Amino acid sequence: MSEHDKNPKQLLHLVFGGELKSLHGVEFRDLKALDVVGIYPNYAEAAKAWKAAAQRTVDNAQMRYFVVHLHRLLDPDTDD
């Protein structure tokens, strides 16, 4: 097993959400009230956190959570 296999490349993902002004856009009602769930080392863990956050707020149709691929912003030449 190579060193790379032991330590796979970090592909950071941010999970956050907030209440939207409209169901037809992605403009938030109150930027100060955004819920930053966390930063995760891969998409699989970020997706779990996204799903849990979305399920906690299922009764609020205006509430939306997102997964941002931080690794693509940090290294735009990455093919991952």
C-alpha atoms as a PDB file:
ATOM      1  CA  MET A   1       0.000   0.000   0.000  1.00  0.00           C
ATOM      2  CA  SER A   2       1.466   3.350  -1.007  1.00  0.00           C
ATOM      3  CA  GLU A   3       1.560   6.450   1.194  1.00  0.00           C
ATOM      4  CA  HIS A   4      -1.089   8.026  -1.088  1.00  0.00           C
ATOM      5  CA  ASP A   5      -3.470   5.106  -0.462  1.00  0.00           C
ATOM      6  CA  LYS A   6      -3.079   5.540   3.301  1.00  0.00           C
ATOM      7  CA  ASN A   7      -3.764   9.290   3.107  1.00  0.00           C
ATOM      8  CA  PRO A   8      -6.175  10.052   0.268  1.00  0.00           C
ATOM      9  CA  LYS A   9      -6.176  13.601  -1.069  1.00  0.00           C
ATOM     10  CA  GLN A  10      -8.327  16.005   0.936  1.00  0.00           C
ATOM     11  CA  LEU A  11     -11.279  17.242  -1.076  1.00  0.00           C
ATOM     12  CA  LEU A  12     -12.725  19.815   1.310  1.00  0.00           C
ATOM     13  CA  HIS A  13     -16.469  20.523   1.247  1.00  0.00           C
ATOM     14  CA  LEU A  14     -18.425  23.193   3.127  1.00  0.00           C
ATOM     15  CA  VAL A  15     -22.005  22.547   4.257  1.00  0.00           C
ATOM     16  CA  PHE A  16     -24.126  25.581   5.075  1.00  0.00           C
ATOM     17  CA  GLY A  17     -27.676  26.802   4.790  1.00  0.00           C
ATOM     18  CA  GLY A  18     -30.208  29.411   5.624  1.00  0.00           C
ATOM     19  CA  GLU A  19     -33.670  30.682   5.008  1.00  0.00           C
ATOM     20  CA  LEU A  20     -34.245  31.856   1.446  1.00  0.00           C
ATOM     21  CA  LYS A  21     -36.158  34.994   0.456  1.00  0.00           C
ATOM     22  CA  SER A  22     -37.973  33.016  -2.243  1.00  0.00           C
ATOM     23  CA  LEU A  23     -38.359  29.389  -3.245  1.00  0.00           C
ATOM     24  CA  HIS A  24     -37.313  30.413  -6.760  1.00  0.00           C
ATOM     25  CA  GLY A  25     -33.827  31.715  -5.984  1.00  0.00           C
ATOM     26  CA  VAL A  26     -30.798  31.382  -3.770  1.00  0.00           C
ATOM     27  CA  GLU A  27     -30.835  34.749  -2.026  1.00  0.00           C
ATOM     28  CA  PHE A  28     -30.829  34.408   1.746  1.00  0.00           C
ATOM     29  CA  ARG A  29     -33.265  36.281   3.991  1.00  0.00           C
ATOM     30  CA  ASP A  30     -30.648  37.064   6.692  1.00  0.00           C
ATOM     31  CA  LEU A  31     -26.927  36.516   6.082  1.00  0.00           C
ATOM     32  CA  LYS A  32     -26.211  36.850   9.799  1.00  0.00           C
ATOM     33  CA  ALA A  33     -28.445  33.846  10.462  1.00  0.00           C
ATOM     34  CA  LEU A  34     -26.687  31.448   8.064  1.00  0.00           C
ATOM     35  CA  ASP A  35     -26.043  28.036   9.571  1.00  0.00           C
ATOM     36  CA  VAL A  36     -22.476  26.898   8.864  1.00  0.00           C
ATOM     37  CA  VAL A  37     -22.700  23.171   9.536  1.00  0.00           C
ATOM     38  CA  GLY A  38     -19.016  22.472   8.938  1.00  0.00           C
ATOM     39  CA  ILE A  39     -16.142  21.635   6.620  1.00  0.00           C
ATOM     40  CA  TYR A  40     -15.641  17.993   5.663  1.00  0.00           C
ATOM     41  CA  PRO A  41     -12.704  16.094   4.115  1.00  0.00           C
ATOM     42  CA  ASN A  42     -14.741  14.483   1.323  1.00  0.00           C
ATOM     43  CA  TYR A  43     -18.099  14.610  -0.415  1.00  0.00           C
ATOM     44  CA  ALA A  44     -19.496  11.508   1.309  1.00  0.00           C
ATOM     45  CA  GLU A  45     -19.127  13.030   4.778  1.00  0.00           C
ATOM     46  CA  ALA A  46     -20.429  16.393   3.567  1.00  0.00           C
ATOM     47  CA  ALA A  47     -23.478  14.714   2.037  1.00  0.00           C
ATOM     48  CA  LYS A  48     -24.280  13.018   5.362  1.00  0.00           C
ATOM     49  CA  ALA A  49     -24.060  16.361   7.176  1.00  0.00           C
ATOM     50  CA  TRP A  50     -26.161  18.070   4.484  1.00  0.00           C
ATOM     51  CA  LYS A  51     -28.866  15.421   4.747  1.00  0.00           C
ATOM     52  CA  ALA A  52     -28.990  15.635   8.556  1.00  0.00           C
ATOM     53  CA  ALA A  53     -29.240  19.446   8.482  1.00  0.00           C
ATOM     54  CA  ALA A  54     -31.918  19.387   5.793  1.00  0.00           C
ATOM     55  CA  GLN A  55     -33.961  16.823   7.726  1.00  0.00           C
ATOM     56  CA  ARG A  56     -33.794  18.944  10.902  1.00  0.00           C
ATOM     57  CA  THR A  57     -35.432  21.837   9.043  1.00  0.00           C
ATOM     58  CA  VAL A  58     -37.859  19.893   6.841  1.00  0.00           C
ATOM     59  CA  ASP A  59     -40.855  21.813   8.250  1.00  0.00           C
ATOM     60  CA  ASN A  60     -39.526  25.135   6.890  1.00  0.00           C
ATOM     61  CA  ALA A  61     -39.932  25.181   3.096  1.00  0.00           C
ATOM     62  CA  GLN A  62     -37.772  28.329   2.832  1.00  0.00           C
ATOM     63  CA  MET A  63     -34.773  26.669   4.518  1.00  0.00           C
ATOM     64  CA  ARG A  64     -32.100  25.267   2.194  1.00  0.00           C
ATOM     65  CA  TYR A  65     -28.720  23.658   2.750  1.00  0.00           C
ATOM     66  CA  PHE A  66     -25.894  23.477   0.237  1.00  0.00           C
ATOM     67  CA  VAL A  67     -22.636  21.597  -0.278  1.00  0.00           C
ATOM     68  CA  VAL A  68     -19.827  23.770  -1.661  1.00  0.00           C
ATOM     69  CA  HIS A  69     -16.834  22.041  -3.241  1.00  0.00           C
ATOM     70  CA  LEU A  70     -14.101  24.074  -1.522  1.00  0.00           C
ATOM     71  CA  HIS A  71     -11.359  21.990  -3.118  1.00  0.00           C
ATOM     72  CA  ARG A  72     -12.444  23.306  -6.534  1.00  0.00           C
ATOM     73  CA  LEU A  73     -12.128  26.886  -5.317  1.00  0.00           C
ATOM     74  CA  LEU A  74      -8.761  26.260  -3.688  1.00  0.00           C
ATOM     75  CA  ASP A  75      -7.334  24.378  -6.678  1.00  0.00           C
ATOM     76  CA  PRO A  76      -9.401  25.094  -9.818  1.00  0.00           C
ATOM     77  CA  ASP A  77      -7.154  22.876 -11.975  1.00  0.00           C
ATOM     78  CA  THR A  78      -8.198  19.771 -10.004  1.00  0.00           C
ATOM     79  CA  ASP A  79     -10.107  17.188 -12.008  1.00  0.00           C
ATOM     80  CA  ASP A  80     -11.620  15.586  -8.865  1.00  0.00           C
END
